[in-house]
């Protein structure tokens, strides 16, 4: 099986986790985090979403904190199944 992994967030920074795993048949978003850390960084949340939403089959979230899941929701018109892998501490 051939797959590709793309990094759209939490590269060279701690917040905004967003990765895309593609196979011939499916596209899985791993995390969908909000970018945090000052006005310039946070302004990136208002820009175009880095992925064509219609391509995504499912989102896998590792934790429910905003830096992992903050960009999911009606404000971004993202509607697809979401799987949370583990309980987030403190919830």
N, C-alpha and C. Protein backbone atom coordinates (compact mmCIF):
# COMPACT_ATOMS: atom_id res chain seq x y z
N UNK A 1 0.85 -1.17 0.00
CA UNK A 1 0.00 0.00 0.00
C UNK A 1 0.89 1.24 0.00
N UNK A 2 0.57 2.17 -0.85
CA UNK A 2 1.28 3.43 -0.91
C UNK A 2 0.49 4.50 -0.15
N UNK A 3 1.20 5.31 0.61
CA UNK A 3 0.55 6.40 1.31
C UNK A 3 1.47 7.61 1.35
N UNK A 4 0.87 8.76 1.59
CA UNK A 4 1.64 9.98 1.78
C UNK A 4 1.20 10.63 3.09
N UNK A 5 2.13 11.30 3.73
CA UNK A 5 1.84 12.03 4.96
C UNK A 5 2.30 13.46 4.76
N UNK A 6 1.36 14.41 4.93
CA UNK A 6 1.66 15.83 4.78
C UNK A 6 1.54 16.51 6.13
N UNK A 7 2.39 17.48 6.38
CA UNK A 7 2.41 18.22 7.63
C UNK A 7 1.94 19.65 7.35
N UNK A 8 0.84 20.04 8.00
CA UNK A 8 0.29 21.39 7.81
C UNK A 8 0.34 22.23 9.07
N UNK A 9 0.64 21.64 10.20
CA UNK A 9 0.67 22.38 11.45
C UNK A 9 1.60 21.74 12.43
N UNK A 10 1.93 22.48 13.50
CA UNK A 10 2.83 22.03 14.54
C UNK A 10 4.20 21.65 13.96
N UNK A 11 4.58 22.31 12.89
CA UNK A 11 5.93 22.16 12.37
C UNK A 11 6.66 23.46 12.68
N UNK A 12 7.77 23.36 13.32
CA UNK A 12 8.54 24.50 13.79
C UNK A 12 7.77 25.32 14.83
N UNK A 13 6.78 24.70 15.45
CA UNK A 13 6.00 25.33 16.53
C UNK A 13 5.30 24.22 17.30
N UNK A 14 4.69 24.55 18.41
CA UNK A 14 4.09 23.54 19.26
C UNK A 14 2.60 23.35 18.97
N UNK A 15 1.91 24.38 18.56
CA UNK A 15 0.45 24.30 18.43
C UNK A 15 0.03 24.14 16.97
N UNK A 16 -1.26 23.92 16.78
CA UNK A 16 -1.81 23.84 15.44
C UNK A 16 -1.59 22.50 14.75
N UNK A 17 -1.58 21.42 15.51
CA UNK A 17 -1.36 20.09 14.93
C UNK A 17 -2.34 19.83 13.80
N UNK A 18 -1.83 19.46 12.63
CA UNK A 18 -2.68 19.13 11.49
C UNK A 18 -1.84 18.37 10.47
N UNK A 19 -2.17 17.09 10.31
CA UNK A 19 -1.44 16.22 9.39
C UNK A 19 -2.46 15.51 8.51
N UNK A 20 -2.07 15.17 7.32
CA UNK A 20 -2.97 14.49 6.39
C UNK A 20 -2.31 13.21 5.91
N UNK A 21 -3.00 12.10 6.10
CA UNK A 21 -2.53 10.79 5.65
C UNK A 21 -3.42 10.37 4.48
N UNK A 22 -2.80 10.16 3.32
CA UNK A 22 -3.56 9.81 2.11
C UNK A 22 -3.15 8.42 1.63
N UNK A 23 -4.16 7.63 1.26
CA UNK A 23 -3.94 6.37 0.57
C UNK A 23 -4.66 6.49 -0.77
N UNK A 24 -4.63 5.45 -1.55
CA UNK A 24 -5.31 5.48 -2.84
C UNK A 24 -6.82 5.62 -2.67
N UNK A 25 -7.34 5.16 -1.54
CA UNK A 25 -8.78 5.14 -1.33
C UNK A 25 -9.30 6.11 -0.29
N UNK A 26 -8.46 6.55 0.64
CA UNK A 26 -8.96 7.35 1.76
C UNK A 26 -8.01 8.50 2.09
N UNK A 27 -8.61 9.52 2.72
CA UNK A 27 -7.85 10.64 3.25
C UNK A 27 -8.23 10.81 4.71
N UNK A 28 -7.24 10.71 5.58
CA UNK A 28 -7.45 10.80 7.02
C UNK A 28 -6.71 12.03 7.54
N UNK A 29 -7.43 12.89 8.23
CA UNK A 29 -6.80 14.03 8.88
C UNK A 29 -6.45 13.59 10.30
N UNK A 30 -5.18 13.77 10.66
CA UNK A 30 -4.70 13.48 12.00
C UNK A 30 -4.55 14.80 12.72
N UNK A 31 -5.44 15.06 13.66
CA UNK A 31 -5.49 16.31 14.38
C UNK A 31 -6.07 17.43 13.51
N UNK A 32 -6.52 18.48 14.15
CA UNK A 32 -7.06 19.65 13.45
C UNK A 32 -6.99 20.82 14.42
N UNK A 33 -5.77 21.15 14.81
CA UNK A 33 -5.56 22.07 15.91
C UNK A 33 -5.54 23.55 15.56
N UNK A 34 -5.87 24.34 16.55
CA UNK A 34 -5.85 25.79 16.46
C UNK A 34 -4.42 26.28 16.68
N UNK A 35 -3.99 27.23 15.88
CA UNK A 35 -2.66 27.80 16.02
C UNK A 35 -2.73 28.87 17.10
N UNK A 36 -1.84 28.80 18.07
CA UNK A 36 -1.82 29.73 19.19
C UNK A 36 -0.43 30.33 19.33
N UNK A 37 -0.32 31.47 20.03
CA UNK A 37 1.00 32.01 20.32
C UNK A 37 1.24 33.41 19.81
N UNK A 38 0.32 34.29 20.00
CA UNK A 38 0.52 35.68 19.57
C UNK A 38 -0.32 36.01 18.35
N UNK A 39 -0.47 37.28 18.10
CA UNK A 39 -1.36 37.73 17.02
C UNK A 39 -0.95 37.24 15.65
N UNK A 40 0.33 37.29 15.34
CA UNK A 40 0.79 36.86 14.01
C UNK A 40 0.51 35.38 13.78
N UNK A 41 0.81 34.56 14.78
CA UNK A 41 0.57 33.12 14.67
C UNK A 41 -0.92 32.84 14.57
N UNK A 42 -1.70 33.44 15.44
CA UNK A 42 -3.14 33.19 15.48
C UNK A 42 -3.86 33.70 14.24
N UNK A 43 -3.30 34.69 13.56
CA UNK A 43 -3.92 35.20 12.33
C UNK A 43 -3.97 34.11 11.25
N UNK A 44 -3.07 33.14 11.34
CA UNK A 44 -3.08 32.04 10.38
C UNK A 44 -4.36 31.20 10.47
N UNK A 45 -5.04 31.23 11.62
CA UNK A 45 -6.31 30.51 11.76
C UNK A 45 -7.40 31.11 10.88
N UNK A 46 -7.26 32.38 10.53
CA UNK A 46 -8.27 33.07 9.73
C UNK A 46 -8.04 32.91 8.23
N UNK A 47 -6.88 32.41 7.86
CA UNK A 47 -6.57 32.21 6.44
C UNK A 47 -7.29 31.01 5.88
N UNK A 48 -7.07 30.72 4.62
CA UNK A 48 -7.72 29.57 4.00
C UNK A 48 -7.30 28.27 4.69
N UNK A 49 -8.24 27.36 4.81
CA UNK A 49 -7.95 26.07 5.40
C UNK A 49 -6.98 25.34 4.47
N UNK A 50 -5.92 24.72 4.99
CA UNK A 50 -4.87 24.18 4.13
C UNK A 50 -5.23 22.91 3.36
N UNK A 51 -6.40 22.38 3.61
CA UNK A 51 -6.81 21.11 3.00
C UNK A 51 -8.18 21.29 2.37
N UNK A 52 -8.41 20.65 1.23
CA UNK A 52 -9.75 20.66 0.63
C UNK A 52 -10.64 19.75 1.48
N UNK A 53 -11.59 20.33 2.16
CA UNK A 53 -12.40 19.62 3.14
C UNK A 53 -13.16 18.45 2.52
N UNK A 54 -13.61 18.57 1.30
CA UNK A 54 -14.38 17.50 0.65
C UNK A 54 -13.58 16.22 0.49
N UNK A 55 -12.27 16.29 0.56
CA UNK A 55 -11.42 15.11 0.39
C UNK A 55 -11.34 14.25 1.65
N UNK A 56 -11.66 14.82 2.80
CA UNK A 56 -11.42 14.16 4.09
C UNK A 56 -12.52 13.15 4.39
N UNK A 57 -12.09 11.92 4.73
CA UNK A 57 -13.03 10.87 5.08
C UNK A 57 -13.29 10.81 6.58
N UNK A 58 -12.26 11.07 7.37
CA UNK A 58 -12.39 10.99 8.83
C UNK A 58 -11.25 11.80 9.46
N UNK A 59 -11.49 12.26 10.69
CA UNK A 59 -10.46 12.95 11.46
C UNK A 59 -10.18 12.14 12.71
N UNK A 60 -8.90 11.96 13.02
CA UNK A 60 -8.49 11.27 14.23
C UNK A 60 -7.84 12.30 15.14
N UNK A 61 -8.40 12.44 16.34
CA UNK A 61 -7.92 13.42 17.32
C UNK A 61 -7.29 12.69 18.49
N UNK A 62 -6.10 13.11 18.86
CA UNK A 62 -5.37 12.50 19.97
C UNK A 62 -5.80 13.07 21.32
N UNK A 63 -6.25 14.30 21.33
CA UNK A 63 -6.69 14.94 22.57
C UNK A 63 -7.64 16.07 22.25
N UNK A 64 -8.47 16.44 23.19
CA UNK A 64 -9.52 17.42 22.94
C UNK A 64 -9.09 18.87 23.18
N UNK A 65 -7.84 19.10 23.47
CA UNK A 65 -7.39 20.48 23.69
C UNK A 65 -7.40 21.24 22.37
N UNK A 66 -7.52 22.57 22.46
CA UNK A 66 -7.64 23.41 21.26
C UNK A 66 -6.48 23.26 20.28
N UNK A 67 -5.27 23.00 20.77
CA UNK A 67 -4.14 22.87 19.85
C UNK A 67 -4.17 21.56 19.08
N UNK A 68 -5.14 20.67 19.41
CA UNK A 68 -5.33 19.41 18.68
C UNK A 68 -6.66 19.38 17.92
N UNK A 69 -7.64 20.14 18.39
CA UNK A 69 -8.99 20.03 17.80
C UNK A 69 -9.71 21.35 17.58
N UNK A 70 -9.05 22.47 17.80
CA UNK A 70 -9.71 23.77 17.80
C UNK A 70 -10.23 24.26 16.45
N UNK A 71 -9.78 23.66 15.34
CA UNK A 71 -10.26 24.12 14.03
C UNK A 71 -11.39 23.26 13.48
N UNK A 72 -11.87 22.31 14.27
CA UNK A 72 -13.02 21.51 13.85
C UNK A 72 -14.28 22.26 14.26
N UNK A 73 -15.26 22.33 13.39
CA UNK A 73 -16.52 22.93 13.78
C UNK A 73 -17.15 23.75 12.69
N UNK A 74 -18.34 24.24 12.98
CA UNK A 74 -19.11 24.98 11.98
C UNK A 74 -18.41 26.21 11.44
N UNK A 75 -17.54 26.83 12.24
CA UNK A 75 -16.85 28.03 11.76
C UNK A 75 -15.96 27.72 10.56
N UNK A 76 -15.50 26.49 10.45
CA UNK A 76 -14.65 26.09 9.33
C UNK A 76 -15.41 25.21 8.34
N UNK A 77 -16.70 25.03 8.54
CA UNK A 77 -17.54 24.22 7.64
C UNK A 77 -16.98 22.82 7.47
N UNK A 78 -16.46 22.26 8.55
CA UNK A 78 -15.89 20.91 8.50
C UNK A 78 -16.89 19.95 9.11
N UNK A 79 -17.37 19.03 8.32
CA UNK A 79 -18.32 18.04 8.81
C UNK A 79 -17.92 16.67 8.30
N UNK A 80 -17.42 15.82 9.20
CA UNK A 80 -17.04 14.46 8.88
C UNK A 80 -16.89 13.72 10.19
N UNK A 81 -16.81 12.38 10.16
CA UNK A 81 -16.64 11.64 11.41
C UNK A 81 -15.35 12.03 12.12
N UNK A 82 -15.42 12.14 13.44
CA UNK A 82 -14.25 12.46 14.25
C UNK A 82 -14.07 11.35 15.28
N UNK A 83 -12.85 10.85 15.36
CA UNK A 83 -12.52 9.80 16.32
C UNK A 83 -11.52 10.36 17.30
N UNK A 84 -11.85 10.29 18.61
CA UNK A 84 -10.91 10.71 19.63
C UNK A 84 -10.25 9.46 20.19
N UNK A 85 -8.93 9.39 20.13
CA UNK A 85 -8.19 8.18 20.49
C UNK A 85 -8.17 7.86 21.97
N UNK A 86 -8.04 8.86 22.80
CA UNK A 86 -7.93 8.62 24.24
C UNK A 86 -8.56 9.77 24.99
N UNK A 87 -8.91 9.48 26.22
CA UNK A 87 -9.48 10.53 27.07
C UNK A 87 -8.40 11.56 27.34
N UNK A 88 -8.78 12.82 27.26
CA UNK A 88 -7.84 13.89 27.54
C UNK A 88 -7.79 14.11 29.06
N UNK A 89 -6.59 14.12 29.67
CA UNK A 89 -6.50 14.33 31.11
C UNK A 89 -7.22 15.60 31.55
N UNK A 90 -7.91 15.52 32.66
CA UNK A 90 -8.61 16.67 33.22
C UNK A 90 -10.01 16.84 32.69
N UNK A 91 -10.49 15.88 31.91
CA UNK A 91 -11.85 16.01 31.37
C UNK A 91 -12.73 14.88 31.85
